[in-house]
N, C-alpha and C. Protein backbone atom coordinates (compact mmCIF):
# COMPACT_ATOMS: atom_id res chain seq x y z
N MET A 1 23.09 19.24 28.03
CA MET A 1 22.73 20.52 27.25
C MET A 1 22.25 20.02 25.79
N SER A 2 21.43 20.66 25.25
CA SER A 2 20.83 20.36 23.98
C SER A 2 21.69 20.69 22.86
N LYS A 3 21.44 20.07 21.70
CA LYS A 3 22.19 20.38 20.67
C LYS A 3 21.39 21.06 19.56
N LEU A 4 21.92 22.04 19.06
CA LEU A 4 21.16 22.95 17.92
C LEU A 4 21.67 22.35 16.51
N ALA A 5 20.50 21.95 16.02
CA ALA A 5 20.72 21.43 14.52
C ALA A 5 19.87 22.09 13.61
N VAL A 6 20.69 22.48 12.56
CA VAL A 6 19.91 23.16 11.44
C VAL A 6 19.69 21.97 10.50
N SER A 7 18.40 22.07 10.06
CA SER A 7 17.95 20.90 9.19
C SER A 7 17.19 21.51 7.98
N GLU A 8 17.94 21.38 6.82
CA GLU A 8 17.40 22.18 5.60
C GLU A 8 17.24 21.03 4.40
N PHE A 9 16.22 21.55 3.61
CA PHE A 9 16.23 20.88 2.20
C PHE A 9 16.92 21.96 1.29
N VAL A 10 17.94 21.37 0.55
CA VAL A 10 18.68 22.32 -0.29
C VAL A 10 18.78 21.72 -1.75
N THR A 11 19.09 22.41 -2.62
CA THR A 11 19.41 22.09 -3.98
C THR A 11 20.91 21.83 -4.15
N ILE A 12 21.30 21.19 -5.15
CA ILE A 12 22.81 21.05 -5.39
C ILE A 12 23.41 22.41 -5.57
N ASP A 13 22.85 23.47 -5.93
CA ASP A 13 23.46 24.77 -5.91
C ASP A 13 23.22 25.61 -4.76
N GLY A 14 22.69 25.05 -3.66
CA GLY A 14 22.63 25.70 -2.31
C GLY A 14 21.44 26.47 -2.11
N VAL A 15 20.53 26.36 -2.97
CA VAL A 15 19.17 26.94 -2.62
C VAL A 15 18.25 26.26 -1.72
N PHE A 16 17.81 27.05 -0.71
CA PHE A 16 16.84 26.40 0.33
C PHE A 16 15.57 27.05 0.31
N GLU A 17 15.38 28.09 -0.39
CA GLU A 17 14.06 28.88 -0.45
C GLU A 17 13.02 28.05 -1.27
N ASP A 18 11.84 28.11 -0.47
CA ASP A 18 10.66 27.48 -0.97
C ASP A 18 10.68 26.24 -1.52
N PRO A 19 11.13 25.15 -0.83
CA PRO A 19 11.11 23.82 -1.21
C PRO A 19 9.75 23.32 -1.45
N GLY A 20 8.66 23.76 -0.56
CA GLY A 20 7.35 23.23 -0.56
C GLY A 20 6.30 24.01 -1.64
N GLY A 21 6.82 25.21 -2.09
CA GLY A 21 6.04 25.92 -3.09
C GLY A 21 5.08 26.85 -2.31
N GLY A 22 5.07 27.11 -1.09
CA GLY A 22 4.06 27.83 -0.32
C GLY A 22 4.40 29.20 -0.33
N GLU A 23 5.68 29.60 -0.89
CA GLU A 23 5.94 31.12 -0.88
C GLU A 23 5.76 31.81 -2.17
N GLY A 24 5.30 31.11 -3.13
CA GLY A 24 4.77 31.82 -4.37
C GLY A 24 5.99 32.24 -5.21
N VAL A 25 7.17 31.74 -5.19
CA VAL A 25 8.21 32.05 -6.00
C VAL A 25 8.16 31.17 -7.33
N GLU A 26 8.67 31.67 -8.30
CA GLU A 26 8.45 30.95 -9.66
C GLU A 26 8.94 29.66 -9.58
N TYR A 27 10.14 29.32 -8.94
CA TYR A 27 10.79 28.05 -8.79
C TYR A 27 10.41 27.24 -7.77
N GLY A 28 9.52 27.69 -6.91
CA GLY A 28 9.12 26.89 -5.66
C GLY A 28 8.42 25.76 -5.79
N GLY A 29 8.63 24.87 -4.94
CA GLY A 29 8.06 23.50 -4.98
C GLY A 29 8.87 22.38 -5.47
N TRP A 30 10.27 22.77 -5.72
CA TRP A 30 11.11 21.94 -6.18
C TRP A 30 11.30 20.59 -5.23
N ALA A 31 11.10 20.63 -4.20
CA ALA A 31 11.36 19.39 -3.16
C ALA A 31 10.45 18.21 -3.59
N PHE A 32 9.10 18.75 -4.18
CA PHE A 32 8.05 17.67 -4.43
C PHE A 32 8.32 16.95 -5.69
N LYS A 33 9.27 17.41 -6.45
CA LYS A 33 9.62 16.78 -7.69
C LYS A 33 10.39 15.50 -7.60
N PHE A 34 10.99 15.35 -6.47
CA PHE A 34 11.82 14.21 -6.27
C PHE A 34 11.35 13.22 -5.16
N ASP A 35 11.57 11.87 -5.17
CA ASP A 35 11.27 10.98 -4.19
C ASP A 35 12.47 10.88 -3.11
N ARG A 36 12.11 11.33 -1.79
CA ARG A 36 13.20 11.09 -0.95
C ARG A 36 13.08 9.56 -0.22
N GLY A 37 12.14 8.78 -0.70
CA GLY A 37 12.28 7.53 -0.37
C GLY A 37 12.02 7.21 1.22
N PRO A 38 11.62 5.96 1.50
CA PRO A 38 11.39 5.68 2.88
C PRO A 38 12.44 5.98 3.97
N GLU A 39 13.63 6.12 3.43
CA GLU A 39 14.93 6.57 4.16
C GLU A 39 14.89 8.00 4.80
N GLY A 40 14.36 8.75 3.48
CA GLY A 40 14.28 10.28 3.98
C GLY A 40 13.11 10.39 4.83
N ASP A 41 12.01 9.79 4.64
CA ASP A 41 10.98 9.78 5.45
C ASP A 41 11.14 9.45 6.97
N GLU A 42 12.00 8.33 6.99
CA GLU A 42 12.36 7.80 8.31
C GLU A 42 13.45 8.90 9.07
N PHE A 43 14.12 9.48 8.34
CA PHE A 43 15.11 10.39 8.89
C PHE A 43 14.51 11.75 9.29
N LYS A 44 13.53 12.26 8.61
CA LYS A 44 12.91 13.42 9.04
C LYS A 44 11.99 13.08 10.27
N PHE A 45 11.22 11.83 10.43
CA PHE A 45 10.55 11.30 11.38
C PHE A 45 11.29 11.28 12.61
N ASP A 46 12.48 10.55 12.63
CA ASP A 46 13.55 10.23 13.72
C ASP A 46 13.98 11.56 14.27
N GLU A 47 14.32 12.42 13.34
CA GLU A 47 14.79 13.81 13.72
C GLU A 47 13.82 14.41 14.64
N LEU A 48 12.64 14.67 14.27
CA LEU A 48 11.58 15.38 14.83
C LEU A 48 11.30 14.69 16.20
N MET A 49 11.36 13.43 16.26
CA MET A 49 10.97 12.77 17.52
C MET A 49 11.95 13.00 18.51
N ALA A 50 13.48 13.05 18.09
CA ALA A 50 14.51 13.37 18.85
C ALA A 50 14.42 14.85 19.33
N ALA A 51 13.74 15.58 18.80
CA ALA A 51 13.79 17.23 19.12
C ALA A 51 12.89 17.48 20.30
N GLY A 52 13.43 18.38 21.05
CA GLY A 52 12.77 18.95 22.30
C GLY A 52 11.87 20.22 21.91
N ALA A 53 12.53 20.95 20.91
CA ALA A 53 11.97 22.21 20.46
C ALA A 53 12.28 22.60 19.13
N MET A 54 11.76 23.65 18.59
CA MET A 54 12.12 24.35 17.40
C MET A 54 12.34 25.73 17.61
N LEU A 55 13.49 26.27 16.86
CA LEU A 55 13.93 27.51 16.77
C LEU A 55 13.62 28.11 15.51
N LEU A 56 12.74 29.24 15.31
CA LEU A 56 12.41 29.62 14.01
C LEU A 56 12.54 31.06 13.84
N GLY A 57 12.86 31.51 12.58
CA GLY A 57 12.54 32.94 12.30
C GLY A 57 11.16 33.22 12.04
N ARG A 58 10.82 34.39 11.98
CA ARG A 58 9.47 34.94 11.83
C ARG A 58 8.83 34.38 10.51
N VAL A 59 9.55 34.49 9.46
CA VAL A 59 8.86 34.05 8.16
C VAL A 59 8.54 32.54 8.21
N THR A 60 9.50 31.96 8.55
CA THR A 60 9.46 30.44 8.52
C THR A 60 8.17 30.13 9.48
N TYR A 61 8.26 30.66 10.60
CA TYR A 61 7.37 30.37 11.74
C TYR A 61 5.88 30.66 11.11
N GLU A 62 5.75 31.70 10.43
CA GLU A 62 4.35 32.10 9.86
C GLU A 62 3.95 31.13 8.89
N GLY A 63 4.91 30.67 8.08
CA GLY A 63 4.45 29.60 7.08
C GLY A 63 4.08 28.32 7.75
N PHE A 64 4.94 28.03 8.64
CA PHE A 64 4.60 26.89 9.45
C PHE A 64 3.16 26.93 10.24
N ALA A 65 3.05 27.98 10.83
CA ALA A 65 1.75 28.35 11.64
C ALA A 65 0.66 28.20 10.81
N ARG A 66 0.82 28.55 9.46
CA ARG A 66 -0.49 28.52 8.55
C ARG A 66 -0.78 26.91 8.20
N ALA A 67 0.21 26.25 8.27
CA ALA A 67 0.14 24.79 7.56
C ALA A 67 -0.25 23.77 8.63
N TRP A 68 0.67 23.77 9.68
CA TRP A 68 0.81 22.65 10.58
C TRP A 68 -0.43 22.35 11.55
N PRO A 69 -1.11 23.35 12.01
CA PRO A 69 -2.14 23.24 12.87
C PRO A 69 -3.32 22.37 12.32
N ALA A 70 -3.56 22.38 11.01
CA ALA A 70 -4.54 21.51 10.28
C ALA A 70 -4.04 20.04 10.15
N MET A 71 -2.62 19.69 10.46
CA MET A 71 -2.03 18.51 9.98
C MET A 71 -1.65 17.78 11.31
N ASP A 72 -2.68 17.35 12.14
CA ASP A 72 -2.32 16.71 13.38
C ASP A 72 -2.97 15.38 13.35
N ALA A 73 -3.16 14.77 12.28
CA ALA A 73 -3.85 13.33 12.26
C ALA A 73 -2.81 12.21 12.47
N ASN A 74 -1.56 12.55 12.32
CA ASN A 74 -0.43 11.59 12.56
C ASN A 74 0.49 11.97 13.69
N GLU A 75 1.32 10.95 14.03
CA GLU A 75 2.36 11.30 15.05
C GLU A 75 3.21 12.43 14.62
N PHE A 76 3.62 12.51 13.57
CA PHE A 76 4.55 13.52 13.16
C PHE A 76 3.75 14.95 13.23
N GLY A 77 2.65 15.19 12.73
CA GLY A 77 1.88 16.26 12.98
C GLY A 77 1.58 16.73 14.46
N LYS A 78 1.23 15.73 15.11
CA LYS A 78 0.90 15.96 16.65
C LYS A 78 2.36 16.50 17.46
N LYS A 79 3.43 15.99 16.99
CA LYS A 79 4.65 16.35 17.58
C LYS A 79 4.82 17.87 17.17
N MET A 80 4.71 18.22 15.84
CA MET A 80 5.05 19.48 15.44
C MET A 80 4.17 20.43 16.10
N ASN A 81 2.98 20.20 16.28
CA ASN A 81 2.05 21.00 16.99
C ASN A 81 2.13 21.18 18.53
N SER A 82 2.60 20.15 19.17
CA SER A 82 2.68 20.24 20.52
C SER A 82 4.04 20.63 21.01
N MET A 83 5.18 20.56 20.30
CA MET A 83 6.40 20.83 20.81
C MET A 83 6.68 22.23 20.99
N PRO A 84 7.52 22.78 22.02
CA PRO A 84 7.80 24.11 22.22
C PRO A 84 8.49 24.68 20.84
N LYS A 85 8.06 25.92 20.50
CA LYS A 85 8.54 26.64 19.33
C LYS A 85 9.13 28.03 19.79
N PHE A 86 10.24 28.27 19.67
CA PHE A 86 10.92 29.70 20.01
C PHE A 86 11.13 30.34 18.69
N VAL A 87 10.43 31.44 18.74
CA VAL A 87 10.52 32.32 17.39
C VAL A 87 11.36 33.69 17.65
N PHE A 88 12.53 33.57 16.90
CA PHE A 88 13.33 34.72 17.25
C PHE A 88 12.87 35.95 16.10
N SER A 89 12.37 36.99 16.80
CA SER A 89 11.66 38.04 15.87
C SER A 89 11.69 39.21 16.61
N SER A 90 11.77 40.25 15.97
CA SER A 90 11.75 41.73 16.51
C SER A 90 10.35 42.11 16.05
N THR A 91 9.51 41.67 15.26
CA THR A 91 8.17 42.27 14.76
C THR A 91 7.11 41.27 15.19
N LEU A 92 7.17 40.03 15.36
CA LEU A 92 6.06 39.15 15.65
C LEU A 92 5.55 39.40 17.20
N GLU A 93 4.24 39.60 17.38
CA GLU A 93 3.88 40.11 18.85
C GLU A 93 3.07 39.04 19.44
N ASN A 94 2.07 38.41 18.86
CA ASN A 94 1.28 37.37 19.53
C ASN A 94 1.36 36.04 18.81
N PRO A 95 2.16 35.12 18.89
CA PRO A 95 2.17 33.92 18.26
C PRO A 95 1.08 33.10 18.61
N GLU A 96 0.28 32.54 17.55
CA GLU A 96 -0.98 31.96 17.82
C GLU A 96 -0.78 30.43 17.88
N TRP A 97 0.23 29.95 17.17
CA TRP A 97 0.43 28.42 17.07
C TRP A 97 0.92 27.83 18.31
N ASN A 98 0.05 26.83 18.72
CA ASN A 98 0.27 26.11 20.02
C ASN A 98 1.69 26.04 20.37
N ASN A 99 1.83 26.41 21.74
CA ASN A 99 3.11 26.26 22.40
C ASN A 99 4.43 27.03 21.77
N SER A 100 3.99 28.35 21.22
CA SER A 100 5.10 29.24 20.65
C SER A 100 5.34 30.25 21.56
N ARG A 101 6.68 30.74 21.42
CA ARG A 101 6.98 31.86 22.20
C ARG A 101 7.97 32.67 21.34
N VAL A 102 7.87 34.01 21.53
CA VAL A 102 8.69 34.89 20.83
C VAL A 102 9.84 35.34 21.70
N ILE A 103 11.08 35.08 21.03
CA ILE A 103 12.25 35.44 21.86
C ILE A 103 12.92 36.72 21.15
N ARG A 104 13.57 37.51 21.91
CA ARG A 104 14.18 38.86 21.51
C ARG A 104 15.37 38.91 22.35
N GLY A 105 16.23 39.92 21.70
CA GLY A 105 17.53 40.08 22.50
C GLY A 105 18.70 39.56 21.83
N ASP A 106 19.72 39.43 22.53
CA ASP A 106 21.01 38.91 22.08
C ASP A 106 20.82 37.44 21.70
N LEU A 107 21.08 37.15 20.47
CA LEU A 107 20.78 35.82 19.91
C LEU A 107 21.64 34.75 20.68
N GLY A 108 22.93 34.94 20.92
CA GLY A 108 23.88 34.17 21.67
C GLY A 108 23.39 33.81 23.07
N GLU A 109 22.97 34.78 23.66
CA GLU A 109 22.33 34.59 25.20
C GLU A 109 21.19 33.79 24.98
N ARG A 110 20.18 34.27 24.19
CA ARG A 110 18.82 33.43 24.08
C ARG A 110 19.11 32.08 23.85
N VAL A 111 20.00 31.74 22.86
CA VAL A 111 20.02 30.37 22.33
C VAL A 111 20.78 29.53 23.59
N ALA A 112 21.71 30.10 24.34
CA ALA A 112 22.36 29.45 25.58
C ALA A 112 21.22 29.14 26.44
N GLU A 113 20.33 30.09 26.77
CA GLU A 113 19.22 29.87 27.77
C GLU A 113 18.28 28.64 27.27
N ILE A 114 17.96 28.71 26.05
CA ILE A 114 16.99 27.69 25.32
C ILE A 114 17.79 26.33 25.65
N LYS A 115 19.14 26.23 25.14
CA LYS A 115 19.84 24.94 25.33
C LYS A 115 19.79 24.44 26.77
N GLN A 116 19.71 25.29 27.72
CA GLN A 116 19.69 24.69 29.22
C GLN A 116 18.33 24.32 29.56
N GLN A 117 17.25 24.96 28.76
CA GLN A 117 15.91 24.49 29.21
C GLN A 117 15.37 23.34 28.56
N VAL A 118 15.83 22.96 27.36
CA VAL A 118 15.21 21.94 26.45
C VAL A 118 16.10 20.66 26.73
N GLU A 119 15.26 19.73 26.77
CA GLU A 119 15.93 18.32 26.57
C GLU A 119 15.52 17.86 25.13
N GLY A 120 16.55 17.21 24.54
CA GLY A 120 16.51 16.92 23.19
C GLY A 120 17.01 17.80 22.16
N ASP A 121 17.15 17.63 21.04
CA ASP A 121 17.68 18.53 20.10
C ASP A 121 16.83 19.72 19.72
N ILE A 122 17.34 20.78 19.43
CA ILE A 122 16.66 22.07 19.05
C ILE A 122 16.85 22.16 17.45
N LEU A 123 15.75 22.14 16.88
CA LEU A 123 15.75 22.14 15.40
C LEU A 123 15.52 23.48 14.81
N VAL A 124 16.22 23.87 13.77
CA VAL A 124 15.97 25.11 13.06
C VAL A 124 15.80 24.71 11.53
N ALA A 125 14.78 25.05 11.14
CA ALA A 125 14.34 24.71 9.42
C ALA A 125 14.04 25.93 9.04
N GLY A 126 14.29 26.10 7.66
CA GLY A 126 14.15 27.35 6.97
C GLY A 126 14.98 28.42 7.56
N SER A 127 14.16 29.58 7.87
CA SER A 127 14.78 30.64 8.80
C SER A 127 16.22 31.11 8.39
N GLY A 128 16.37 31.43 6.97
CA GLY A 128 17.64 31.80 6.50
C GLY A 128 18.38 32.91 7.21
N GLN A 129 17.75 33.92 7.61
CA GLN A 129 18.36 35.03 8.33
C GLN A 129 18.87 34.57 9.74
N LEU A 130 18.04 33.81 10.33
CA LEU A 130 18.34 33.28 11.68
C LEU A 130 19.58 32.31 11.70
N VAL A 131 19.52 31.49 10.54
CA VAL A 131 20.57 30.47 10.48
C VAL A 131 21.97 31.13 10.08
N ARG A 132 21.86 32.18 9.44
CA ARG A 132 23.14 32.90 9.18
C ARG A 132 23.65 33.67 10.42
N GLY A 133 22.74 34.16 11.34
CA GLY A 133 23.19 34.68 12.54
C GLY A 133 23.70 33.69 13.35
N LEU A 134 23.21 32.47 13.50
CA LEU A 134 23.53 31.26 14.37
C LEU A 134 24.96 30.86 13.91
N ALA A 135 25.10 30.86 12.58
CA ALA A 135 26.41 30.30 12.02
C ALA A 135 27.56 31.40 12.16
N ASP A 136 27.14 32.69 12.09
CA ASP A 136 27.98 33.64 12.30
C ASP A 136 28.70 33.74 13.84
N LEU A 137 27.78 33.17 14.62
CA LEU A 137 28.11 33.07 16.18
C LEU A 137 28.43 31.77 16.45
N ALA A 138 28.81 30.93 15.50
CA ALA A 138 29.29 29.44 15.77
C ALA A 138 28.33 28.75 16.81
N LEU A 139 27.03 28.97 16.56
CA LEU A 139 26.08 28.39 17.54
C LEU A 139 25.50 27.10 16.98
N VAL A 140 25.75 26.83 15.94
CA VAL A 140 25.20 25.55 15.25
C VAL A 140 26.03 24.28 15.56
N ASP A 141 25.45 23.25 16.21
CA ASP A 141 26.16 22.06 16.58
C ASP A 141 26.30 21.08 15.34
N GLU A 142 25.18 21.11 14.38
CA GLU A 142 25.02 20.18 13.41
C GLU A 142 24.24 20.75 12.31
N TYR A 143 24.69 20.39 11.23
CA TYR A 143 24.05 20.93 9.97
C TYR A 143 23.55 19.61 9.13
N ARG A 144 22.19 19.56 9.14
CA ARG A 144 21.65 18.21 8.44
C ARG A 144 21.02 18.91 7.05
N LEU A 145 21.60 18.44 6.06
CA LEU A 145 21.05 18.84 4.68
C LEU A 145 20.69 17.73 3.97
N MET A 146 19.34 17.79 3.45
CA MET A 146 18.82 17.03 2.57
C MET A 146 18.95 17.41 1.10
N VAL A 147 19.93 17.14 0.32
CA VAL A 147 20.27 17.67 -0.94
C VAL A 147 19.29 16.96 -2.02
N PHE A 148 18.67 17.67 -2.80
CA PHE A 148 17.88 17.55 -3.83
C PHE A 148 18.54 17.63 -5.08
N PRO A 149 18.52 16.55 -6.02
CA PRO A 149 19.12 16.66 -7.24
C PRO A 149 18.65 17.63 -8.45
N THR A 150 18.70 18.93 -8.06
CA THR A 150 18.26 19.95 -8.96
C THR A 150 19.17 21.20 -8.70
N ALA A 151 19.53 21.80 -9.70
CA ALA A 151 20.07 23.20 -9.68
C ALA A 151 19.28 24.26 -10.24
N LEU A 152 18.74 25.34 -9.47
CA LEU A 152 17.85 26.18 -9.80
C LEU A 152 18.51 27.44 -10.52
N GLY A 153 19.59 27.81 -10.06
CA GLY A 153 20.32 28.93 -10.66
C GLY A 153 19.90 30.11 -10.05
N ALA A 154 18.65 30.19 -9.30
CA ALA A 154 18.13 31.29 -8.77
C ALA A 154 17.64 31.05 -7.28
N GLY A 155 17.44 31.95 -6.51
CA GLY A 155 16.86 31.71 -5.25
C GLY A 155 17.95 32.03 -4.04
N LYS A 156 17.28 32.11 -2.72
CA LYS A 156 18.11 32.34 -1.78
C LYS A 156 18.91 31.11 -1.35
N ARG A 157 20.31 31.41 -1.07
CA ARG A 157 21.08 30.34 -0.82
C ARG A 157 21.42 30.36 0.65
N LEU A 158 21.44 29.18 1.27
CA LEU A 158 21.53 28.96 2.69
C LEU A 158 22.64 29.71 3.29
N PHE A 159 23.77 29.85 2.63
CA PHE A 159 24.96 30.54 3.47
C PHE A 159 25.28 31.90 2.86
N ASP A 160 24.47 32.41 1.89
CA ASP A 160 24.62 33.82 1.46
C ASP A 160 24.75 34.70 2.78
N GLY A 161 25.81 35.52 2.66
CA GLY A 161 25.84 36.79 3.59
C GLY A 161 26.48 36.20 4.88
N VAL A 162 27.11 34.98 5.14
CA VAL A 162 27.65 34.60 6.32
C VAL A 162 28.76 35.59 6.38
N ALA A 163 29.25 36.06 7.64
CA ALA A 163 30.21 37.04 7.83
C ALA A 163 31.61 36.41 7.42
N ALA A 164 31.88 35.25 7.82
CA ALA A 164 33.25 34.51 7.53
C ALA A 164 32.88 32.91 7.05
N SER A 165 33.98 32.53 6.57
CA SER A 165 33.88 31.29 6.20
C SER A 165 33.64 30.18 7.17
N ILE A 166 33.04 29.25 6.93
CA ILE A 166 32.49 28.24 7.95
C ILE A 166 33.06 26.88 7.44
N GLU A 167 33.92 26.35 8.43
CA GLU A 167 34.66 25.03 8.02
C GLU A 167 33.92 23.95 8.81
N LEU A 168 33.57 22.99 8.00
CA LEU A 168 32.70 21.88 8.43
C LEU A 168 33.44 20.50 8.24
N ARG A 169 33.06 19.47 8.97
CA ARG A 169 33.63 18.16 8.79
C ARG A 169 32.36 17.17 8.55
N LEU A 170 32.44 16.34 7.44
CA LEU A 170 31.35 15.63 7.04
C LEU A 170 31.35 14.44 8.22
N GLN A 171 30.01 14.27 8.93
CA GLN A 171 29.88 13.42 9.90
C GLN A 171 29.28 12.09 9.45
N ASP A 172 28.39 12.27 8.33
CA ASP A 172 27.47 11.17 7.79
C ASP A 172 27.07 11.60 6.42
N ALA A 173 27.00 10.63 5.47
CA ALA A 173 26.27 10.80 4.23
C ALA A 173 25.42 9.48 3.96
N ARG A 174 24.33 9.73 3.46
CA ARG A 174 23.47 8.46 3.25
C ARG A 174 22.49 8.89 1.98
N PRO A 175 22.18 7.76 1.20
CA PRO A 175 21.21 8.15 0.22
C PRO A 175 19.80 8.01 0.83
N ALA A 176 18.88 8.73 0.22
CA ALA A 176 17.66 8.69 0.75
C ALA A 176 16.62 8.94 -0.67
N GLY A 177 16.28 7.82 -1.09
CA GLY A 177 15.65 7.89 -2.51
C GLY A 177 16.40 8.64 -3.47
N GLU A 178 15.86 9.65 -4.15
CA GLU A 178 16.72 10.41 -5.09
C GLU A 178 17.57 11.52 -4.41
N THR A 179 17.27 11.71 -3.09
CA THR A 179 18.15 12.69 -2.54
C THR A 179 19.39 12.01 -1.69
N THR A 180 20.26 12.78 -1.09
CA THR A 180 21.15 12.50 -0.24
C THR A 180 21.19 13.39 1.05
N ILE A 181 21.37 12.68 2.20
CA ILE A 181 21.42 13.30 3.32
C ILE A 181 22.78 13.52 4.01
N LEU A 182 23.29 14.68 4.06
CA LEU A 182 24.74 15.15 4.45
C LEU A 182 24.49 15.61 5.95
N THR A 183 25.31 15.09 6.88
CA THR A 183 25.33 15.74 8.17
C THR A 183 26.74 16.34 8.31
N TYR A 184 26.75 17.49 8.66
CA TYR A 184 28.13 18.09 9.03
C TYR A 184 28.20 18.81 10.36
N VAL A 185 29.36 18.68 10.93
CA VAL A 185 29.58 19.45 12.25
C VAL A 185 30.68 20.35 12.09
N PRO A 186 30.78 21.27 12.99
CA PRO A 186 31.81 22.45 12.76
C PRO A 186 33.18 21.52 13.08
N ARG A 187 34.26 22.12 12.30
CA ARG A 187 35.55 21.69 12.59
C ARG A 187 36.15 22.19 13.79
C-alpha cells in the first residue's frame, strides 16, 4: 500500500502560503529568498521520483496546472507532467493538465482507494484545506517540512483549523542549504 506524504515549504512561524510568489499576496515568494542548497534540490528530486501520484486541492492544482505544463525540459518537469494527479474538489469539472482526475465524495474512502491503486508515495503539496482534512482523519503517513529561516507574521498556517491536536514523532532532520528538512510521522 502507498504512503501518503504531505510535503510543504513552511516558514519558522508555520506559514505555507505562497512560497513561490504566484498567488499575489504581499509577502509571497519568500522561499526564493533562501538557498536550499544541493541537498534540498536532491531531496525534492528524490521525493518526486519515489512518488507514484499527487493528491491536490483545487487551488494548488490550478496553480500547478498553469505552471508545470511549460516546464518539461528536464526529468523533474517530465515526471510532474506525466504522473497521475488526483484533485479533491467539489467545483473543478474538467481538469486539463495531463493525467489529472477529479475526486469527489468521502475523503477517507477516496484516499483508501487511491492508496490501493498507486505504487509509490502519494505526495500532497500546498492544498491547505485538503491537508487539514487529511490530518483530521489521521490519513497522513508522513509530514515532510522544508523549513525556511523567515517569520512572516501573517499568512495561512499549515495546521490552522485542525480539529484536534496532532502528535508527531521526529523521524529525520537534516540541513539543506539555509533551510532544514524535518520529517515527522504520527505518534
